[in-house]
């Protein structure tokens, strides 16, 4: 039996060009953006077992993002979310944000962090502490080549703040446009 690899979504990035992302947010976020900015406060971390992984991600943001100031991550994805991923009543924000403000990782391997197990990518990882192997979730090219983890299909992004200038368009879960930068 021949294993067929599907196309990956791993992309090269320069670090300067804006990146297009999609994030599902409560409609109140659009109102907050019209008055300034949005910062996550951690209230949507809906299960207590996710507190440790979120704190770990915050530490990674501190380590990897120059301008990070310690806030909770705002989550987004490189592709438009499936309707079933968007909670009823939430809006889908299409944003363009500087790559220097964003930390990308693989959605599937992020579950190693969420579920507290190793993310072994290389032989040497077997001798590392579990938490050290979690850093492999940021190695998109390595994960994409991995027989165990690849191909990478869903790239997630975390960032600390969202501004109205970052927002290109906002739609309801059903696709109705409720805000467009072009129409403003």
Protein backbone atom coordinates (compact mmCIF):
# COMPACT_ATOMS: atom_id res chain seq x y z
CA UNK A 1 0.00 0.00 0.00
CA UNK A 2 1.41 3.37 -1.04
CA UNK A 3 0.90 6.31 1.28
CA UNK A 4 -0.21 9.40 -0.63
CA UNK A 5 0.77 12.71 0.89
CA UNK A 6 -1.71 15.53 0.53
CA UNK A 7 -0.58 19.05 -0.19
CA UNK A 8 0.54 21.07 2.78
CA UNK A 9 -0.22 24.67 3.60
CA UNK A 10 3.25 25.54 4.90
CA UNK A 11 4.34 28.86 3.50
CA UNK A 12 7.60 30.77 3.60
CA UNK A 13 7.36 34.20 5.13
CA UNK A 14 9.66 37.19 5.17
CA UNK A 15 8.65 38.58 8.56
CA UNK A 16 7.80 42.03 7.19
CA UNK A 17 4.83 41.53 4.91
CA UNK A 18 1.36 41.43 6.44
CA UNK A 19 -0.21 38.01 6.74
CA UNK A 20 -3.91 37.32 6.13
CA UNK A 21 -5.68 35.49 8.95
CA UNK A 22 -9.22 34.69 10.07
CA UNK A 23 -10.47 34.77 13.64
CA UNK A 24 -13.90 34.06 15.13
CA UNK A 25 -14.87 36.63 17.75
CA UNK A 26 -17.88 37.89 19.65
CA UNK A 27 -19.65 40.81 17.88
CA UNK A 28 -18.66 43.03 20.83
CA UNK A 29 -15.07 42.86 19.56
CA UNK A 30 -16.02 44.94 16.50
CA UNK A 31 -17.45 47.62 18.80
CA UNK A 32 -14.28 47.57 20.93
CA UNK A 33 -12.16 47.99 17.80
CA UNK A 34 -14.15 51.03 16.75
CA UNK A 35 -13.19 52.59 20.10
CA UNK A 36 -9.54 51.50 20.10
CA UNK A 37 -8.19 47.96 20.29
CA UNK A 38 -9.05 44.45 21.42
CA UNK A 39 -7.00 42.42 23.88
CA UNK A 40 -8.03 38.97 25.06
CA UNK A 41 -8.57 38.58 28.79
CA UNK A 42 -8.61 34.79 29.12
CA UNK A 43 -12.32 34.51 29.92
CA UNK A 44 -12.91 32.39 26.80
CA UNK A 45 -10.44 29.75 28.03
CA UNK A 46 -13.47 27.65 28.74
CA UNK A 47 -11.92 24.67 30.46
CA UNK A 48 -9.64 24.85 33.50
CA UNK A 49 -7.29 22.21 32.03
CA UNK A 50 -6.39 24.63 29.23
CA UNK A 51 -4.96 27.22 31.64
CA UNK A 52 -1.51 25.57 31.73
CA UNK A 53 -1.24 25.28 27.91
CA UNK A 54 -2.35 28.90 27.50
CA UNK A 55 0.28 30.02 30.02
CA UNK A 56 2.85 27.99 28.08
CA UNK A 57 1.80 29.73 24.84
CA UNK A 58 2.09 33.12 26.55
CA UNK A 59 5.64 32.20 27.57
CA UNK A 60 6.42 31.25 23.97
CA UNK A 61 5.03 34.58 22.76
CA UNK A 62 7.27 36.34 25.30
CA UNK A 63 10.27 34.37 24.01
CA UNK A 64 9.55 34.77 20.28
CA UNK A 65 7.71 38.10 19.75
CA UNK A 66 9.72 41.27 20.34
CA UNK A 67 6.83 43.61 21.21
CA UNK A 68 4.83 41.14 23.32
CA UNK A 69 3.73 42.59 26.69
CA UNK A 70 2.22 39.56 28.46
CA UNK A 71 -1.43 39.52 27.35
CA UNK A 72 -3.56 36.50 26.58
CA UNK A 73 -3.30 35.22 23.00
CA UNK A 74 -5.91 36.00 20.38
CA UNK A 75 -6.29 32.96 18.11
CA UNK A 76 -6.62 33.03 14.34
CA UNK A 77 -6.08 30.71 11.37
CA UNK A 78 -4.39 30.93 7.97
CA UNK A 79 -7.57 29.75 6.24
CA UNK A 80 -11.21 30.72 6.45
CA UNK A 81 -12.79 28.66 9.24
CA UNK A 82 -15.38 26.02 8.58
CA UNK A 83 -18.83 27.12 9.71
CA UNK A 84 -18.88 24.41 12.38
CA UNK A 85 -15.77 25.97 13.99
CA UNK A 86 -17.49 29.34 14.45
CA UNK A 87 -19.72 29.54 17.54
CA UNK A 88 -23.29 30.64 16.84
CA UNK A 89 -23.56 34.40 17.14
CA UNK A 90 -19.85 35.03 16.57
CA UNK A 91 -18.39 36.98 13.66
CA UNK A 92 -15.53 35.93 11.37
CA UNK A 93 -12.89 38.66 11.08
CA UNK A 94 -10.58 38.68 8.06
CA UNK A 95 -7.46 40.48 9.17
CA UNK A 96 -4.10 41.51 7.74
CA UNK A 97 -1.49 41.82 10.44
CA UNK A 98 2.26 42.36 10.53
CA UNK A 99 4.08 39.04 10.78
CA UNK A 100 6.29 40.50 13.51
CA UNK A 101 3.20 40.50 15.80
CA UNK A 102 2.21 36.89 15.02
CA UNK A 103 3.39 33.50 16.23
CA UNK A 104 2.43 30.66 13.86
CA UNK A 105 2.09 27.02 14.87
CA UNK A 106 0.50 23.79 13.71
CA UNK A 107 -3.06 23.28 14.94
CA UNK A 108 -2.81 19.46 15.10
CA UNK A 109 0.43 19.34 17.07
CA UNK A 110 -0.87 22.09 19.41
CA UNK A 111 -3.05 19.31 20.80
CA UNK A 112 0.09 17.71 22.24
CA UNK A 113 0.36 20.80 24.44
CA UNK A 114 -3.38 20.90 25.20
CA UNK A 115 -3.48 17.21 26.13
CA UNK A 116 -0.14 17.16 27.95
CA UNK A 117 1.78 14.67 25.80
CA UNK A 118 5.04 14.80 23.83
CA UNK A 119 5.39 16.27 20.36
CA UNK A 120 8.24 14.08 19.16
CA UNK A 121 9.53 15.16 15.78
CA UNK A 122 13.18 14.01 15.85
CA UNK A 123 14.96 11.08 17.49
CA UNK A 124 16.70 13.47 19.86
CA UNK A 125 13.29 14.57 21.15
CA UNK A 126 12.91 11.21 22.91
CA UNK A 127 15.57 12.37 25.38
CA UNK A 128 14.09 15.82 25.96
CA UNK A 129 11.57 16.89 28.58
CA UNK A 130 7.96 16.79 27.40
CA UNK A 131 7.60 20.58 27.59
CA UNK A 132 10.73 20.99 25.44
CA UNK A 133 9.22 18.82 22.68
CA UNK A 134 6.20 21.13 22.58
CA UNK A 135 8.36 23.73 20.86
CA UNK A 136 8.17 21.51 17.77
CA UNK A 137 4.68 22.90 17.10
CA UNK A 138 6.42 25.98 15.65
CA UNK A 139 8.58 23.94 13.21
CA UNK A 140 6.05 23.99 10.37
CA UNK A 141 8.45 22.67 7.73
CA UNK A 142 9.69 19.85 9.99
CA UNK A 143 6.14 18.87 10.93
CA UNK A 144 5.12 18.98 7.28
CA UNK A 145 7.86 16.48 6.37
CA UNK A 146 7.10 14.25 9.35
CA UNK A 147 5.47 10.88 8.73
CA UNK A 148 3.78 11.15 12.13
CA UNK A 149 2.59 14.76 12.09
CA UNK A 150 2.51 15.83 8.44
CA UNK A 151 1.29 17.18 6.24
CA UNK A 152 0.50 20.44 7.99
CA UNK A 153 -3.02 21.46 6.99
CA UNK A 154 -4.14 24.00 9.58
CA UNK A 155 -1.80 26.75 10.65
CA UNK A 156 -2.94 28.70 13.67
CA UNK A 157 -1.70 32.09 14.74
CA UNK A 158 -1.60 33.87 18.08
CA UNK A 159 -1.09 37.57 18.66
CA UNK A 160 -1.68 39.97 21.51
CA UNK A 161 -3.68 42.91 20.16
CA UNK A 162 -6.09 43.60 17.33
CA UNK A 163 -6.70 47.07 15.90
CA UNK A 164 -9.40 48.26 13.51
CA UNK A 165 -6.66 49.00 10.95
CA UNK A 166 -5.86 45.25 10.95
CA UNK A 167 -9.44 44.33 9.98
CA UNK A 168 -10.24 43.89 6.29
CA UNK A 169 -13.75 42.48 6.63
CA UNK A 170 -16.15 41.04 9.21
CA UNK A 171 -18.88 38.50 8.38
CA UNK A 172 -21.55 36.69 10.31
CA UNK A 173 -21.23 32.93 10.68
CA UNK A 174 -23.55 32.65 7.65
CA UNK A 175 -21.40 34.93 5.48
CA UNK A 176 -23.25 38.26 5.63
CA UNK A 177 -20.80 41.18 5.53
CA UNK A 178 -21.23 43.42 8.60
CA UNK A 179 -18.05 45.49 8.19
CA UNK A 180 -15.68 46.16 5.33
CA UNK A 181 -12.70 48.48 5.40
CA UNK A 182 -13.41 49.35 1.76
CA UNK A 183 -16.97 50.43 2.56
CA UNK A 184 -15.83 52.68 5.43
